[in-house]
């Protein structure tokens, strides 16, 4: 019997990829034309659905955790 797959929201995936590319939540928000609060909410939602932390956040930007890689 096949298990149903969870589907990832495309906006969450795009946000994740943009943070990786930009190196920060703030720059990703600018590039996506959304607020930093929205970026943070999307990543929190993605992290909750995957049950892991994807980024280490600090003043200098965001880097991937081992789980995020």
N, C-alpha and C. Protein backbone atom coordinates (compact mmCIF):
# COMPACT_ATOMS: atom_id res chain seq x y z
N UNK A 1 0.83 -1.17 0.00
CA UNK A 1 0.00 0.00 0.00
C UNK A 1 0.89 1.25 0.00
N UNK A 2 0.55 2.22 -0.81
CA UNK A 2 1.32 3.46 -0.91
C UNK A 2 0.94 4.41 0.20
N UNK A 3 1.94 5.06 0.76
CA UNK A 3 1.68 6.08 1.76
C UNK A 3 1.44 7.41 1.06
N UNK A 4 0.51 8.19 1.56
CA UNK A 4 0.31 9.52 0.95
C UNK A 4 1.52 10.40 1.22
N UNK A 5 1.94 11.14 0.22
CA UNK A 5 3.09 12.04 0.36
C UNK A 5 2.62 13.40 0.85
N UNK A 6 3.48 14.00 1.68
CA UNK A 6 3.22 15.38 2.05
C UNK A 6 3.69 16.26 0.91
N UNK A 7 2.92 17.29 0.60
CA UNK A 7 3.29 18.21 -0.47
C UNK A 7 3.84 19.49 0.14
N UNK A 8 4.96 19.93 -0.39
CA UNK A 8 5.56 21.16 0.09
C UNK A 8 4.97 22.34 -0.66
N UNK A 9 4.61 23.35 0.07
CA UNK A 9 4.10 24.58 -0.52
C UNK A 9 5.21 25.22 -1.35
N UNK A 10 4.92 25.56 -2.59
CA UNK A 10 5.93 26.12 -3.50
C UNK A 10 6.50 27.43 -2.96
N UNK A 11 5.68 28.23 -2.29
CA UNK A 11 6.16 29.49 -1.72
C UNK A 11 7.18 29.24 -0.61
N UNK A 12 6.99 28.19 0.16
CA UNK A 12 7.96 27.85 1.20
C UNK A 12 9.29 27.45 0.56
N UNK A 13 9.21 26.65 -0.48
CA UNK A 13 10.43 26.22 -1.18
C UNK A 13 11.16 27.40 -1.80
N UNK A 14 10.42 28.29 -2.46
CA UNK A 14 11.04 29.47 -3.08
C UNK A 14 11.70 30.36 -2.02
N UNK A 15 11.04 30.50 -0.88
CA UNK A 15 11.59 31.33 0.19
C UNK A 15 12.88 30.71 0.72
N UNK A 16 12.86 29.40 0.94
CA UNK A 16 14.05 28.70 1.41
C UNK A 16 15.22 28.90 0.44
N UNK A 17 14.96 28.70 -0.83
CA UNK A 17 16.02 28.85 -1.84
C UNK A 17 16.53 30.28 -1.93
N UNK A 18 15.64 31.25 -1.77
CA UNK A 18 16.06 32.65 -1.85
C UNK A 18 16.94 33.03 -0.65
N UNK A 19 16.62 32.51 0.52
CA UNK A 19 17.47 32.77 1.69
C UNK A 19 18.85 32.16 1.46
N UNK A 20 18.88 30.95 0.93
CA UNK A 20 20.18 30.33 0.63
C UNK A 20 20.98 31.20 -0.32
N UNK A 21 20.35 31.71 -1.34
CA UNK A 21 21.01 32.53 -2.34
C UNK A 21 21.43 33.89 -1.79
N UNK A 22 20.54 34.52 -1.04
CA UNK A 22 20.78 35.88 -0.54
C UNK A 22 21.67 35.91 0.70
N UNK A 23 21.60 34.87 1.50
CA UNK A 23 22.41 34.83 2.71
C UNK A 23 21.78 35.48 3.92
N UNK A 24 20.58 36.04 3.75
CA UNK A 24 19.89 36.63 4.90
C UNK A 24 18.39 36.67 4.65
N UNK A 25 17.64 36.69 5.74
CA UNK A 25 16.19 36.78 5.65
C UNK A 25 15.80 38.14 5.08
N UNK A 26 16.49 39.17 5.51
CA UNK A 26 16.16 40.52 5.06
C UNK A 26 16.35 40.68 3.55
N UNK A 27 17.47 40.22 3.03
CA UNK A 27 17.73 40.34 1.59
C UNK A 27 16.76 39.45 0.80
N UNK A 28 16.47 38.27 1.32
CA UNK A 28 15.50 37.39 0.65
C UNK A 28 14.14 38.08 0.57
N UNK A 29 13.74 38.75 1.63
CA UNK A 29 12.46 39.47 1.63
C UNK A 29 12.43 40.54 0.55
N UNK A 30 13.52 41.29 0.43
CA UNK A 30 13.60 42.32 -0.60
C UNK A 30 13.47 41.71 -1.99
N UNK A 31 14.19 40.64 -2.23
CA UNK A 31 14.17 39.99 -3.55
C UNK A 31 12.81 39.40 -3.89
N UNK A 32 12.09 38.91 -2.86
CA UNK A 32 10.79 38.29 -3.07
C UNK A 32 9.64 39.30 -3.01
N UNK A 33 9.97 40.55 -2.66
CA UNK A 33 8.97 41.61 -2.54
C UNK A 33 7.92 41.30 -1.49
N UNK A 34 8.41 40.80 -0.34
CA UNK A 34 7.55 40.52 0.81
C UNK A 34 8.25 41.04 2.06
N UNK A 35 7.57 41.02 3.19
CA UNK A 35 8.19 41.50 4.42
C UNK A 35 9.09 40.43 5.03
N UNK A 36 10.01 40.88 5.87
CA UNK A 36 10.87 39.94 6.57
C UNK A 36 10.04 39.07 7.50
N UNK A 37 8.97 39.62 8.06
CA UNK A 37 8.07 38.86 8.93
C UNK A 37 7.46 37.69 8.17
N UNK A 38 7.10 37.91 6.91
CA UNK A 38 6.54 36.84 6.08
C UNK A 38 7.59 35.77 5.80
N UNK A 39 8.81 36.18 5.52
CA UNK A 39 9.90 35.22 5.30
C UNK A 39 10.08 34.36 6.55
N UNK A 40 10.15 34.99 7.70
CA UNK A 40 10.32 34.27 8.96
C UNK A 40 9.17 33.29 9.19
N UNK A 41 7.94 33.74 8.95
CA UNK A 41 6.77 32.87 9.15
C UNK A 41 6.82 31.66 8.21
N UNK A 42 7.20 31.89 6.97
CA UNK A 42 7.28 30.78 6.01
C UNK A 42 8.33 29.76 6.44
N UNK A 43 9.48 30.24 6.88
CA UNK A 43 10.54 29.31 7.29
C UNK A 43 10.15 28.57 8.56
N UNK A 44 9.51 29.26 9.49
CA UNK A 44 9.03 28.57 10.70
C UNK A 44 8.03 27.48 10.34
N UNK A 45 7.16 27.76 9.37
CA UNK A 45 6.19 26.78 8.91
C UNK A 45 6.89 25.58 8.27
N UNK A 46 7.86 25.86 7.43
CA UNK A 46 8.63 24.80 6.77
C UNK A 46 9.37 23.96 7.80
N UNK A 47 10.02 24.63 8.76
CA UNK A 47 10.75 23.91 9.80
C UNK A 47 9.81 23.04 10.63
N UNK A 48 8.63 23.54 10.92
CA UNK A 48 7.66 22.77 11.70
C UNK A 48 7.19 21.54 10.92
N UNK A 49 6.95 21.71 9.63
CA UNK A 49 6.48 20.58 8.83
C UNK A 49 7.57 19.52 8.64
N UNK A 50 8.82 19.95 8.62
CA UNK A 50 9.95 19.02 8.47
C UNK A 50 10.50 18.55 9.81
N UNK A 51 10.04 19.19 10.89
CA UNK A 51 10.48 18.87 12.24
C UNK A 51 11.99 19.00 12.42
N UNK A 52 12.54 20.08 11.88
CA UNK A 52 13.97 20.36 12.05
C UNK A 52 14.23 21.85 11.83
N UNK A 53 15.39 22.29 12.29
CA UNK A 53 15.80 23.68 12.09
C UNK A 53 16.65 23.74 10.84
N UNK A 54 16.32 24.67 9.94
CA UNK A 54 17.00 24.75 8.66
C UNK A 54 18.11 25.78 8.60
N UNK A 55 17.96 26.86 9.37
CA UNK A 55 18.94 27.94 9.34
C UNK A 55 19.41 28.32 10.73
N UNK A 56 20.66 28.74 10.80
CA UNK A 56 21.19 29.41 11.98
C UNK A 56 21.10 30.89 11.65
N UNK A 57 20.36 31.61 12.47
CA UNK A 57 20.12 33.03 12.22
C UNK A 57 20.95 33.86 13.17
N UNK A 58 21.59 34.89 12.64
CA UNK A 58 22.30 35.85 13.48
C UNK A 58 22.34 37.20 12.76
N UNK A 59 22.96 38.17 13.38
CA UNK A 59 22.98 39.52 12.81
C UNK A 59 23.67 39.58 11.44
N UNK A 60 24.61 38.68 11.21
CA UNK A 60 25.34 38.73 9.94
C UNK A 60 24.61 37.98 8.82
N UNK A 61 23.50 37.31 9.13
CA UNK A 61 22.75 36.63 8.08
C UNK A 61 22.22 35.29 8.53
N UNK A 62 22.10 34.39 7.59
CA UNK A 62 21.57 33.06 7.87
C UNK A 62 22.43 32.03 7.14
N UNK A 63 22.78 30.98 7.87
CA UNK A 63 23.53 29.87 7.27
C UNK A 63 22.74 28.60 7.51
N UNK A 64 22.95 27.64 6.63
CA UNK A 64 22.24 26.37 6.75
C UNK A 64 22.76 25.55 7.91
N UNK A 65 21.84 24.86 8.58
CA UNK A 65 22.22 23.86 9.56
C UNK A 65 22.55 22.58 8.80
N UNK A 66 23.13 21.58 9.45
CA UNK A 66 23.33 20.31 8.75
C UNK A 66 22.02 19.73 8.20
N UNK A 67 20.91 19.92 8.93
CA UNK A 67 19.61 19.43 8.44
C UNK A 67 19.16 20.23 7.22
N UNK A 68 19.50 21.50 7.15
CA UNK A 68 19.12 22.35 6.04
C UNK A 68 19.88 22.03 4.76
N UNK A 69 21.07 21.48 4.94
CA UNK A 69 21.87 21.13 3.76
C UNK A 69 21.29 19.94 3.07
